[in-house]
Amino acid sequence: IRYLIYAPSFTCSSSILYHVVRLKRASSGWHLFITAAHYDAHGSTAGRRRTPLIVGSIPSSVAPVTMANPPTDIPSVPILLLGDAGVGKSTFLSRLTLGNTASHTTTLPVLRDLDQPFPFDIRMYNRPYRFEFSDTASPTNYTLLRPAVIVLCYSIADPASLANLQTNWIRIAEDHFNPDDSIPIIVLGLQRDVRGREDYRGSVRPSAHSPPPPHSQAISDEPITDEDAGSVPLNPRTFTYPQEALRIAQEMRCDRYCECSALTGELFREVVEDLARTAALTTTEQGGRTPGMSCEVM
């Protein structure tokens, strides 16, 4: 394996220094060689170190992962996101595709449902894993999927979406996907960034379960338009607080509860890490279920 490293020389203003880095297998392991050469401005060799320098070695038991020897035993874990439309599942998946490159950016890519499942590669416990995320908009009917982990999603700004987890989605998860209680179920609260923001003037999806508050209790003096008439104005009293959501998650006998904002990235990385740990445990004999009847808070 060879790499060519170029850098201006700081020892001679008229020379350019090249390093040829070579990783070569030896009887004692992998040796790293560096050959240095100086070239002047006209391209002729000003000097060369003929003898390579062994600057480091890697034990034979640790082989570098290259295209010549890619790992073939990467476990693939399918993860299914369930929940009402408009609670933020697509935004969560959109930020997930960015990886760890921009955890707090608000510019998120637009995903196509036809591209599901969305892969997420990670290395944990000294081995690589691939997690494949799908939601209810999967091109393959989501009822035909066979997930190893189920994530029940709701909007913190819409209490009705949490109530629907308890009356609808948990039944689908248990009866259709998890009749033997072998699949871990996680409750995920999304849109955490709008909780308690009195300066936020917006609305969530239309809801017949949560009527708008009286005009006198609104958080803004702006007139309500026809566009706002069928939506639930964001008011501190319409938010779901963590202790309430945790109680419902415990009543549903779910394994874990967590929340984040996929839009701003708040707690997103922590949620993904904990979700990855749960998914990785499903590849072991013990599985990803929480021991006993407890519901852990991520």
C-alpha atoms as a PDB file:
ATOM      1  CA  ILE A   1       0.000   0.000   0.000  1.00  0.00           C
ATOM      2  CA  ARG A   2       1.602   3.256  -1.113  1.00  0.00           C
ATOM      3  CA  TYR A   3       0.727   6.854  -0.343  1.00  0.00           C
ATOM      4  CA  LEU A   4       2.394   9.949  -1.805  1.00  0.00           C
ATOM      5  CA  ILE A   5       2.561  12.922   0.542  1.00  0.00           C
ATOM      6  CA  TYR A   6       3.575  16.329  -0.846  1.00  0.00           C
ATOM      7  CA  ALA A   7       4.597  19.311   1.249  1.00  0.00           C
ATOM      8  CA  PRO A   8       6.743  22.440   0.666  1.00  0.00           C
ATOM      9  CA  SER A   9      10.180  22.122   2.191  1.00  0.00           C
ATOM     10  CA  PHE A  10      10.893  24.454   5.073  1.00  0.00           C
ATOM     11  CA  THR A  11      14.628  23.642   5.043  1.00  0.00           C
ATOM     12  CA  CYS A  12      15.357  24.802   1.502  1.00  0.00           C
ATOM     13  CA  SER A  13      13.295  27.497  -0.182  1.00  0.00           C
ATOM     14  CA  SER A  14      14.115  26.209  -3.700  1.00  0.00           C
ATOM     15  CA  SER A  15      13.145  22.593  -3.033  1.00  0.00           C
ATOM     16  CA  ILE A  16       9.946  20.639  -2.731  1.00  0.00           C
ATOM     17  CA  LEU A  17       9.864  17.647  -0.420  1.00  0.00           C
ATOM     18  CA  TYR A  18       8.061  14.448  -1.322  1.00  0.00           C
ATOM     19  CA  HIS A  19       7.383  11.539   1.024  1.00  0.00           C
ATOM     20  CA  VAL A  20       6.529   8.113  -0.305  1.00  0.00           C
ATOM     21  CA  VAL A  21       4.798   6.175   2.457  1.00  0.00           C
ATOM     22  CA  ARG A  22       4.652   2.411   2.056  1.00  0.00           C
ATOM     23  CA  LEU A  23       2.912  -0.160   4.246  1.00  0.00           C
ATOM     24  CA  LYS A  24       4.474  -3.570   3.696  1.00  0.00           C
ATOM     25  CA  ARG A  25       3.809  -6.946   5.273  1.00  0.00           C
ATOM     26  CA  ALA A  26       6.773  -8.496   7.051  1.00  0.00           C
ATOM     27  CA  SER A  27       7.275 -11.658   9.089  1.00  0.00           C
ATOM     28  CA  SER A  28       6.958  -9.697  12.324  1.00  0.00           C
ATOM     29  CA  GLY A  29       3.941  -7.682  11.228  1.00  0.00           C
ATOM     30  CA  TRP A  30       3.166  -4.648   9.097  1.00  0.00           C
ATOM     31  CA  HIS A  31       6.025  -2.156   8.653  1.00  0.00           C
ATOM     32  CA  LEU A  32       5.600   1.485   7.712  1.00  0.00           C
ATOM     33  CA  PHE A  33       8.349   2.868   5.431  1.00  0.00           C
ATOM     34  CA  ILE A  34       8.976   6.481   4.457  1.00  0.00           C
ATOM     35  CA  THR A  35      11.248   7.469   1.562  1.00  0.00           C
ATOM     36  CA  ALA A  36      12.038  11.189   1.328  1.00  0.00           C
ATOM     37  CA  ALA A  37      13.253  13.046  -1.758  1.00  0.00           C
ATOM     38  CA  HIS A  38      14.002  16.699  -2.524  1.00  0.00           C
ATOM     39  CA  TYR A  39      13.224  18.198  -5.924  1.00  0.00           C
ATOM     40  CA  ASP A  40      14.241  21.652  -7.028  1.00  0.00           C
ATOM     41  CA  ALA A  41      12.050  24.046  -8.959  1.00  0.00           C
ATOM     42  CA  HIS A  42      13.109  22.456 -12.295  1.00  0.00           C
ATOM     43  CA  GLY A  43      12.120  18.952 -11.239  1.00  0.00           C
ATOM     44  CA  SER A  44      15.607  17.465 -10.830  1.00  0.00           C
ATOM     45  CA  THR A  45      16.471  15.455  -7.756  1.00  0.00           C
ATOM     46  CA  ALA A  46      18.308  17.543  -5.211  1.00  0.00           C
ATOM     47  CA  GLY A  47      18.804  14.661  -2.840  1.00  0.00           C
ATOM     48  CA  ARG A  48      17.202  11.399  -1.869  1.00  0.00           C
ATOM     49  CA  ARG A  49      17.295   9.252   1.209  1.00  0.00           C
ATOM     50  CA  ARG A  50      18.035   5.880  -0.296  1.00  0.00           C
ATOM     51  CA  THR A  51      17.356   3.766   2.767  1.00  0.00           C
ATOM     52  CA  PRO A  52      13.704   3.643   3.859  1.00  0.00           C
ATOM     53  CA  LEU A  53      13.009   4.466   7.464  1.00  0.00           C
ATOM     54  CA  ILE A  54      10.892   2.035   9.488  1.00  0.00           C
ATOM     55  CA  VAL A  55       8.920   4.512  11.544  1.00  0.00           C
ATOM     56  CA  GLY A  56       6.374   2.111  12.976  1.00  0.00           C
ATOM     57  CA  SER A  57       4.972  -1.393  12.839  1.00  0.00           C
ATOM     58  CA  ILE A  58       1.613  -3.071  13.235  1.00  0.00           C
ATOM     59  CA  PRO A  59       1.276  -6.588  14.707  1.00  0.00           C
ATOM     60  CA  SER A  60       0.459  -9.339  12.229  1.00  0.00           C
ATOM     61  CA  SER A  61      -2.827 -10.060  14.008  1.00  0.00           C
ATOM     62  CA  VAL A  62      -4.178  -6.614  13.048  1.00  0.00           C
ATOM     63  CA  ALA A  63      -4.652  -6.383   9.304  1.00  0.00           C
ATOM     64  CA  PRO A  64      -5.742  -3.056   7.800  1.00  0.00           C
ATOM     65  CA  VAL A  65      -9.192  -3.013   6.257  1.00  0.00           C
ATOM     66  CA  THR A  66      -8.743  -2.329   2.545  1.00  0.00           C
ATOM     67  CA  MET A  67     -10.686  -3.023  -0.603  1.00  0.00           C
ATOM     68  CA  ALA A  68      -8.506  -6.124  -1.057  1.00  0.00           C
ATOM     69  CA  ASN A  69      -9.760  -7.703   2.167  1.00  0.00           C
ATOM     70  CA  PRO A  70     -13.108  -6.148   3.134  1.00  0.00           C
ATOM     71  CA  PRO A  71     -14.888  -7.659   6.136  1.00  0.00           C
ATOM     72  CA  THR A  72     -17.511 -10.171   5.066  1.00  0.00           C
ATOM     73  CA  ASP A  73     -19.254 -10.734   8.401  1.00  0.00           C
ATOM     74  CA  ILE A  74     -20.718  -7.260   8.954  1.00  0.00           C
ATOM     75  CA  PRO A  75     -24.034  -7.781  10.760  1.00  0.00           C
ATOM     76  CA  SER A  76     -26.967  -5.889   9.260  1.00  0.00           C
ATOM     77  CA  VAL A  77     -29.667  -4.782  11.703  1.00  0.00           C
ATOM     78  CA  PRO A  78     -33.020  -3.549  10.288  1.00  0.00           C
ATOM     79  CA  ILE A  79     -34.634  -0.774  12.353  1.00  0.00           C
ATOM     80  CA  LEU A  80     -38.224   0.363  11.805  1.00  0.00           C
ATOM     81  CA  LEU A  81     -39.615   3.770  12.826  1.00  0.00           C
ATOM     82  CA  LEU A  82     -43.351   3.824  13.553  1.00  0.00           C
ATOM     83  CA  GLY A  83     -45.564   6.775  14.421  1.00  0.00           C
ATOM     84  CA  ASP A  84     -48.041   9.320  13.096  1.00  0.00           C
ATOM     85  CA  ALA A  85     -47.312  11.302   9.957  1.00  0.00           C
ATOM     86  CA  GLY A  86     -45.657  14.655  10.564  1.00  0.00           C
ATOM     87  CA  VAL A  87     -43.979  13.872  13.895  1.00  0.00           C
ATOM     88  CA  GLY A  88     -40.442  14.214  12.477  1.00  0.00           C
ATOM     89  CA  LYS A  89     -39.433  10.717  11.352  1.00  0.00           C
ATOM     90  CA  SER A  90     -38.185  11.928   7.961  1.00  0.00           C
ATOM     91  CA  THR A  91     -36.168  14.736   9.560  1.00  0.00           C
ATOM     92  CA  PHE A  92     -34.581  12.228  11.928  1.00  0.00           C
ATOM     93  CA  LEU A  93     -33.608   9.963   9.026  1.00  0.00           C
ATOM     94  CA  SER A  94     -32.378  12.962   7.039  1.00  0.00           C
ATOM     95  CA  ARG A  95     -29.933  14.001   9.760  1.00  0.00           C
ATOM     96  CA  LEU A  96     -28.929  10.385  10.197  1.00  0.00           C
ATOM     97  CA  THR A  97     -27.632  10.293   6.625  1.00  0.00           C
ATOM     98  CA  LEU A  98     -25.161  13.080   7.478  1.00  0.00           C
ATOM     99  CA  GLY A  99     -23.320  10.801   9.896  1.00  0.00           C
ATOM    100  CA  ASN A 100     -21.093  12.643  12.363  1.00  0.00           C
ATOM    101  CA  THR A 101     -19.989  15.317   9.896  1.00  0.00           C
ATOM    102  CA  ALA A 102     -22.431  18.042  10.952  1.00  0.00           C
ATOM    103  CA  SER A 103     -24.255  17.289  14.165  1.00  0.00           C
ATOM    104  CA  HIS A 104     -25.673  20.806  14.623  1.00  0.00           C
ATOM    105  CA  THR A 105     -26.332  22.006  11.083  1.00  0.00           C
ATOM    106  CA  THR A 106     -29.872  22.981  10.167  1.00  0.00           C
ATOM    107  CA  THR A 107     -29.351  22.256   6.451  1.00  0.00           C
ATOM    108  CA  LEU A 108     -30.587  18.722   5.964  1.00  0.00           C
ATOM    109  CA  PRO A 109     -30.760  16.724   2.734  1.00  0.00           C
ATOM    110  CA  VAL A 110     -34.084  15.803   1.181  1.00  0.00           C
ATOM    111  CA  LEU A 111     -34.545  12.053   1.188  1.00  0.00           C
ATOM    112  CA  ARG A 112     -36.513   9.917  -1.229  1.00  0.00           C
ATOM    113  CA  ASP A 113     -38.730   7.241   0.242  1.00  0.00           C
ATOM    114  CA  LEU A 114     -37.817   4.994  -2.682  1.00  0.00           C
ATOM    115  CA  ASP A 115     -34.246   4.854  -1.334  1.00  0.00           C
ATOM    116  CA  GLN A 116     -35.289   3.134   1.884  1.00  0.00           C
ATOM    117  CA  PRO A 117     -33.835   1.467   3.828  1.00  0.00           C
ATOM    118  CA  PHE A 118     -31.230   4.110   4.643  1.00  0.00           C
ATOM    119  CA  PRO A 119     -27.928   2.516   5.720  1.00  0.00           C
ATOM    120  CA  PHE A 120     -25.932   3.771   8.686  1.00  0.00           C
ATOM    121  CA  ASP A 121     -22.473   2.267   9.202  1.00  0.00           C
ATOM    122  CA  ILE A 122     -20.772   2.393  12.570  1.00  0.00           C
ATOM    123  CA  ARG A 123     -17.984   0.614  14.399  1.00  0.00           C
ATOM    124  CA  MET A 124     -18.701  -0.598  17.926  1.00  0.00           C
ATOM    125  CA  TYR A 125     -17.300  -3.259  20.216  1.00  0.00           C
ATOM    126  CA  ASN A 126     -14.266  -3.589  17.910  1.00  0.00           C
ATOM    127  CA  ARG A 127     -16.338  -4.581  14.893  1.00  0.00           C
ATOM    128  CA  PRO A 128     -18.354  -2.838  12.165  1.00  0.00           C
ATOM    129  CA  TYR A 129     -22.143  -2.791  12.040  1.00  0.00           C
ATOM    130  CA  ARG A 130     -24.650  -1.679   9.429  1.00  0.00           C
ATOM    131  CA  PHE A 131     -28.043  -0.412  10.569  1.00  0.00           C
ATOM    132  CA  GLU A 132     -30.797  -0.142   7.956  1.00  0.00           C
ATOM    133  CA  PHE A 133     -33.503   2.395   8.831  1.00  0.00           C
ATOM    134  CA  SER A 134     -37.025   2.358   7.408  1.00  0.00           C
ATOM    135  CA  ASP A 135     -40.271   4.061   8.352  1.00  0.00           C
ATOM    136  CA  THR A 136     -43.935   3.825   7.444  1.00  0.00           C
ATOM    137  CA  ALA A 137     -43.249   5.461   4.041  1.00  0.00           C
ATOM    138  CA  SER A 138     -41.071   2.541   2.939  1.00  0.00           C
ATOM    139  CA  PRO A 139     -41.586   1.523  -0.724  1.00  0.00           C
ATOM    140  CA  THR A 140     -42.061  -1.997   0.621  1.00  0.00           C
ATOM    141  CA  ASN A 141     -45.180  -2.053   2.768  1.00  0.00           C
ATOM    142  CA  TYR A 142     -43.841  -1.599   6.273  1.00  0.00           C
ATOM    143  CA  THR A 143     -46.016  -4.453   7.538  1.00  0.00           C
ATOM    144  CA  LEU A 144     -43.936  -6.820   5.406  1.00  0.00           C
ATOM    145  CA  LEU A 145     -40.648  -5.763   7.006  1.00  0.00           C
ATOM    146  CA  ARG A 146     -38.918  -7.819   9.667  1.00  0.00           C
ATOM    147  CA  PRO A 147     -37.213  -5.321  11.974  1.00  0.00           C
ATOM    148  CA  ALA A 148     -34.805  -6.241  14.745  1.00  0.00           C
ATOM    149  CA  VAL A 149     -35.534  -2.960  16.587  1.00  0.00           C
ATOM    150  CA  ILE A 150     -38.742  -0.900  16.644  1.00  0.00           C
ATOM    151  CA  VAL A 151     -38.711   2.839  17.398  1.00  0.00           C
ATOM    152  CA  LEU A 152     -42.055   4.407  18.310  1.00  0.00           C
ATOM    153  CA  CYS A 153     -41.843   8.100  17.379  1.00  0.00           C
ATOM    154  CA  TYR A 154     -44.017  10.966  18.586  1.00  0.00           C
ATOM    155  CA  SER A 155     -43.835  14.759  18.476  1.00  0.00           C
ATOM    156  CA  ILE A 156     -43.135  16.516  21.762  1.00  0.00           C
ATOM    157  CA  ALA A 157     -45.151  19.447  20.379  1.00  0.00           C
ATOM    158  CA  ASP A 158     -48.189  17.235  19.711  1.00  0.00           C
ATOM    159  CA  PRO A 159     -49.507  15.271  22.718  1.00  0.00           C
ATOM    160  CA  ALA A 160     -52.013  13.491  20.479  1.00  0.00           C
ATOM    161  CA  SER A 161     -49.158  11.718  18.706  1.00  0.00           C
ATOM    162  CA  LEU A 162     -48.016  10.281  22.049  1.00  0.00           C
ATOM    163  CA  ALA A 163     -51.552   9.134  22.839  1.00  0.00           C
ATOM    164  CA  ASN A 164     -51.667   7.387  19.471  1.00  0.00           C
ATOM    165  CA  LEU A 165     -48.572   5.413  20.403  1.00  0.00           C
ATOM    166  CA  GLN A 166     -50.466   3.959  23.337  1.00  0.00           C
ATOM    167  CA  THR A 167     -53.725   3.297  21.495  1.00  0.00           C
ATOM    168  CA  ASN A 168     -52.501   2.319  18.034  1.00  0.00           C
ATOM    169  CA  TRP A 169     -48.822   1.913  17.287  1.00  0.00           C
ATOM    170  CA  ILE A 170     -47.827  -0.200  20.265  1.00  0.00           C
ATOM    171  CA  ARG A 171     -50.531  -2.703  19.296  1.00  0.00           C
ATOM    172  CA  ILE A 172     -49.179  -2.896  15.769  1.00  0.00           C
ATOM    173  CA  ALA A 173     -45.650  -3.320  17.089  1.00  0.00           C
ATOM    174  CA  GLU A 174     -46.575  -6.079  19.532  1.00  0.00           C
ATOM    175  CA  ASP A 175     -49.185  -7.993  17.551  1.00  0.00           C
ATOM    176  CA  HIS A 176     -47.617  -7.803  14.102  1.00  0.00           C
ATOM    177  CA  PHE A 177     -43.862  -7.591  14.688  1.00  0.00           C
ATOM    178  CA  ASN A 178     -43.225  -8.750  18.224  1.00  0.00           C
ATOM    179  CA  PRO A 179     -45.628 -11.508  19.303  1.00  0.00           C
ATOM    180  CA  ASP A 180     -42.918 -13.298  21.300  1.00  0.00           C
ATOM    181  CA  ASP A 181     -41.546 -10.147  23.005  1.00  0.00           C
ATOM    182  CA  SER A 182     -38.083 -10.678  21.532  1.00  0.00           C
ATOM    183  CA  ILE A 183     -37.700  -7.308  19.769  1.00  0.00           C
ATOM    184  CA  PRO A 184     -36.619  -4.231  21.763  1.00  0.00           C
ATOM    185  CA  ILE A 185     -39.046  -1.309  21.504  1.00  0.00           C
ATOM    186  CA  ILE A 186     -37.831   2.263  22.007  1.00  0.00           C
ATOM    187  CA  VAL A 187     -39.970   5.375  22.460  1.00  0.00           C
ATOM    188  CA  LEU A 188     -38.417   8.412  20.757  1.00  0.00           C
ATOM    189  CA  GLY A 189     -39.660  11.958  21.321  1.00  0.00           C
ATOM    190  CA  LEU A 190     -38.899  14.264  18.384  1.00  0.00           C
ATOM    191  CA  GLN A 191     -39.083  18.050  17.894  1.00  0.00           C
ATOM    192  CA  ARG A 192     -37.550  18.688  21.299  1.00  0.00           C
ATOM    193  CA  ASP A 193     -36.376  22.144  20.181  1.00  0.00           C
ATOM    194  CA  VAL A 194     -39.876  23.677  20.357  1.00  0.00           C
ATOM    195  CA  ARG A 195     -40.596  22.672  23.962  1.00  0.00           C
ATOM    196  CA  GLY A 196     -41.210  25.744  26.096  1.00  0.00           C
ATOM    197  CA  ARG A 197     -40.215  28.253  23.413  1.00  0.00           C
ATOM    198  CA  GLU A 198     -42.663  31.085  23.948  1.00  0.00           C
ATOM    199  CA  ASP A 199     -41.017  33.058  21.154  1.00  0.00           C
ATOM    200  CA  TYR A 200     -41.820  30.326  18.641  1.00  0.00           C
ATOM    201  CA  ARG A 201     -44.830  31.066  16.480  1.00  0.00           C
ATOM    202  CA  GLY A 202     -45.768  27.982  14.543  1.00  0.00           C
ATOM    203  CA  SER A 203     -48.130  25.079  14.437  1.00  0.00           C
ATOM    204  CA  VAL A 204     -48.013  21.337  14.303  1.00  0.00           C
ATOM    205  CA  ARG A 205     -50.093  19.013  12.183  1.00  0.00           C
ATOM    206  CA  PRO A 206     -53.905  19.289  12.414  1.00  0.00           C
ATOM    207  CA  SER A 207     -55.262  17.336  15.362  1.00  0.00           C
ATOM    208  CA  ALA A 208     -58.836  16.584  16.343  1.00  0.00           C
ATOM    209  CA  HIS A 209     -57.741  15.480  19.813  1.00  0.00           C
ATOM    210  CA  SER A 210     -56.111  18.739  20.901  1.00  0.00           C
ATOM    211  CA  PRO A 211     -58.291  21.777  20.100  1.00  0.00           C
ATOM    212  CA  PRO A 212     -56.626  25.191  19.916  1.00  0.00           C
ATOM    213  CA  PRO A 213     -56.555  27.158  23.183  1.00  0.00           C
ATOM    214  CA  PRO A 214     -58.673  30.327  23.545  1.00  0.00           C
ATOM    215  CA  HIS A 215     -57.386  33.437  21.798  1.00  0.00           C
ATOM    216  CA  SER A 216     -56.799  35.138  25.131  1.00  0.00           C
ATOM    217  CA  GLN A 217     -54.260  32.462  26.060  1.00  0.00           C
ATOM    218  CA  ALA A 218     -52.404  32.480  22.776  1.00  0.00           C
ATOM    219  CA  ILE A 219     -48.709  33.213  22.799  1.00  0.00           C
ATOM    220  CA  SER A 220     -48.958  35.852  20.093  1.00  0.00           C
ATOM    221  CA  ASP A 221     -51.216  38.837  19.423  1.00  0.00           C
ATOM    222  CA  GLU A 222     -51.139  38.148  15.691  1.00  0.00           C
ATOM    223  CA  PRO A 223     -54.538  37.344  14.149  1.00  0.00           C
ATOM    224  CA  ILE A 224     -55.218  33.689  13.449  1.00  0.00           C
ATOM    225  CA  THR A 225     -55.419  33.040   9.710  1.00  0.00           C
ATOM    226  CA  ASP A 226     -57.352  30.360   7.868  1.00  0.00           C
ATOM    227  CA  GLU A 227     -54.111  28.407   7.563  1.00  0.00           C
ATOM    228  CA  ASP A 228     -53.790  28.300  11.351  1.00  0.00           C
ATOM    229  CA  ALA A 229     -57.441  27.501  12.003  1.00  0.00           C
ATOM    230  CA  GLY A 230     -57.064  23.744  11.574  1.00  0.00           C
ATOM    231  CA  SER A 231     -53.764  23.433  13.404  1.00  0.00           C
ATOM    232  CA  VAL A 232     -52.752  23.327  17.034  1.00  0.00           C
ATOM    233  CA  PRO A 233     -50.859  26.515  18.008  1.00  0.00           C
ATOM    234  CA  LEU A 234     -47.676  25.808  19.895  1.00  0.00           C
ATOM    235  CA  ASN A 235     -48.331  26.690  23.505  1.00  0.00           C
ATOM    236  CA  PRO A 236     -46.306  25.561  26.546  1.00  0.00           C
ATOM    237  CA  ARG A 237     -49.349  23.644  27.793  1.00  0.00           C
ATOM    238  CA  THR A 238     -49.489  21.578  24.576  1.00  0.00           C
ATOM    239  CA  PHE A 239     -45.984  20.188  25.031  1.00  0.00           C
ATOM    240  CA  THR A 240     -45.293  16.730  26.365  1.00  0.00           C
ATOM    241  CA  TYR A 241     -42.801  16.722  29.213  1.00  0.00           C
ATOM    242  CA  PRO A 242     -40.249  13.923  29.700  1.00  0.00           C
ATOM    243  CA  GLN A 243     -41.762  12.521  32.887  1.00  0.00           C
ATOM    244  CA  GLU A 244     -45.161  12.148  31.236  1.00  0.00           C
ATOM    245  CA  ALA A 245     -43.735  10.415  28.169  1.00  0.00           C
ATOM    246  CA  LEU A 246     -41.588   8.142  30.336  1.00  0.00           C
ATOM    247  CA  ARG A 247     -44.648   7.109  32.328  1.00  0.00           C
ATOM    248  CA  ILE A 248     -46.494   6.129  29.153  1.00  0.00           C
ATOM    249  CA  ALA A 249     -43.429   4.277  27.856  1.00  0.00           C
ATOM    250  CA  GLN A 250     -43.354   2.305  31.102  1.00  0.00           C
ATOM    251  CA  GLU A 251     -47.055   1.521  30.826  1.00  0.00           C
ATOM    252  CA  MET A 252     -46.437   0.171  27.321  1.00  0.00           C
ATOM    253  CA  ARG A 253     -43.570  -1.941  28.727  1.00  0.00           C
ATOM    254  CA  CYS A 254     -41.095  -0.433  26.273  1.00  0.00           C
ATOM    255  CA  ASP A 255     -37.376  -0.958  26.784  1.00  0.00           C
ATOM    256  CA  ARG A 256     -36.070   2.598  26.519  1.00  0.00           C
ATOM    257  CA  TYR A 257     -37.151   6.208  26.274  1.00  0.00           C
ATOM    258  CA  CYS A 258     -35.205   9.033  24.636  1.00  0.00           C
ATOM    259  CA  GLU A 259     -35.809  12.359  22.928  1.00  0.00           C
ATOM    260  CA  CYS A 260     -33.940  14.764  20.676  1.00  0.00           C
ATOM    261  CA  SER A 261     -34.295  17.462  18.063  1.00  0.00           C
ATOM    262  CA  ALA A 262     -33.352  16.225  14.620  1.00  0.00           C
ATOM    263  CA  LEU A 263     -33.670  19.773  13.273  1.00  0.00           C
ATOM    264  CA  THR A 264     -31.094  21.422  15.553  1.00  0.00           C
ATOM    265  CA  GLY A 265     -29.145  18.299  16.500  1.00  0.00           C
ATOM    266  CA  GLU A 266     -29.857  18.641  20.233  1.00  0.00           C
ATOM    267  CA  LEU A 267     -29.196  15.249  21.897  1.00  0.00           C
ATOM    268  CA  PHE A 268     -29.230  13.649  18.443  1.00  0.00           C
ATOM    269  CA  ARG A 269     -25.801  12.081  18.728  1.00  0.00           C
ATOM    270  CA  GLU A 270     -26.583  10.657  22.170  1.00  0.00           C
ATOM    271  CA  VAL A 271     -29.805   9.118  20.879  1.00  0.00           C
ATOM    272  CA  VAL A 272     -28.046   7.532  17.908  1.00  0.00           C
ATOM    273  CA  GLU A 273     -25.314   6.109  20.136  1.00  0.00           C
ATOM    274  CA  ASP A 274     -27.803   4.542  22.528  1.00  0.00           C
ATOM    275  CA  LEU A 275     -29.930   3.294  19.662  1.00  0.00           C
ATOM    276  CA  ALA A 276     -26.831   1.760  18.082  1.00  0.00           C
ATOM    277  CA  ARG A 277     -25.959  -0.051  21.311  1.00  0.00           C
ATOM    278  CA  THR A 278     -29.431  -1.536  21.491  1.00  0.00           C
ATOM    279  CA  ALA A 279     -29.317  -2.577  17.836  1.00  0.00           C
ATOM    280  CA  ALA A 280     -25.875  -4.128  18.253  1.00  0.00           C
ATOM    281  CA  LEU A 281     -27.092  -6.211  21.195  1.00  0.00           C
ATOM    282  CA  THR A 282     -29.753  -7.794  18.988  1.00  0.00           C
ATOM    283  CA  THR A 283     -26.961  -9.662  17.191  1.00  0.00           C
ATOM    284  CA  THR A 284     -25.953 -11.409  20.426  1.00  0.00           C
ATOM    285  CA  GLU A 285     -27.559 -14.306  22.257  1.00  0.00           C
ATOM    286  CA  GLN A 286     -28.888 -12.091  25.045  1.00  0.00           C
ATOM    287  CA  GLY A 287     -30.663  -9.776  22.600  1.00  0.00           C
ATOM    288  CA  GLY A 288     -31.489  -6.102  23.017  1.00  0.00           C
ATOM    289  CA  ARG A 289     -34.400  -6.376  25.451  1.00  0.00           C
ATOM    290  CA  THR A 290     -34.056  -4.666  28.828  1.00  0.00           C
ATOM    291  CA  PRO A 291     -33.876  -7.180  31.700  1.00  0.00           C
ATOM    292  CA  GLY A 292     -37.033  -7.317  33.778  1.00  0.00           C
ATOM    293  CA  MET A 293     -39.883  -4.877  33.275  1.00  0.00           C
ATOM    294  CA  SER A 294     -37.866  -1.650  33.523  1.00  0.00           C
ATOM    295  CA  CYS A 295     -37.817   1.151  30.960  1.00  0.00           C
ATOM    296  CA  GLU A 296     -34.417   2.816  30.740  1.00  0.00           C
ATOM    297  CA  VAL A 297     -33.984   6.513  30.031  1.00  0.00           C
ATOM    298  CA  MET A 298     -31.316   7.236  27.447  1.00  0.00           C
END
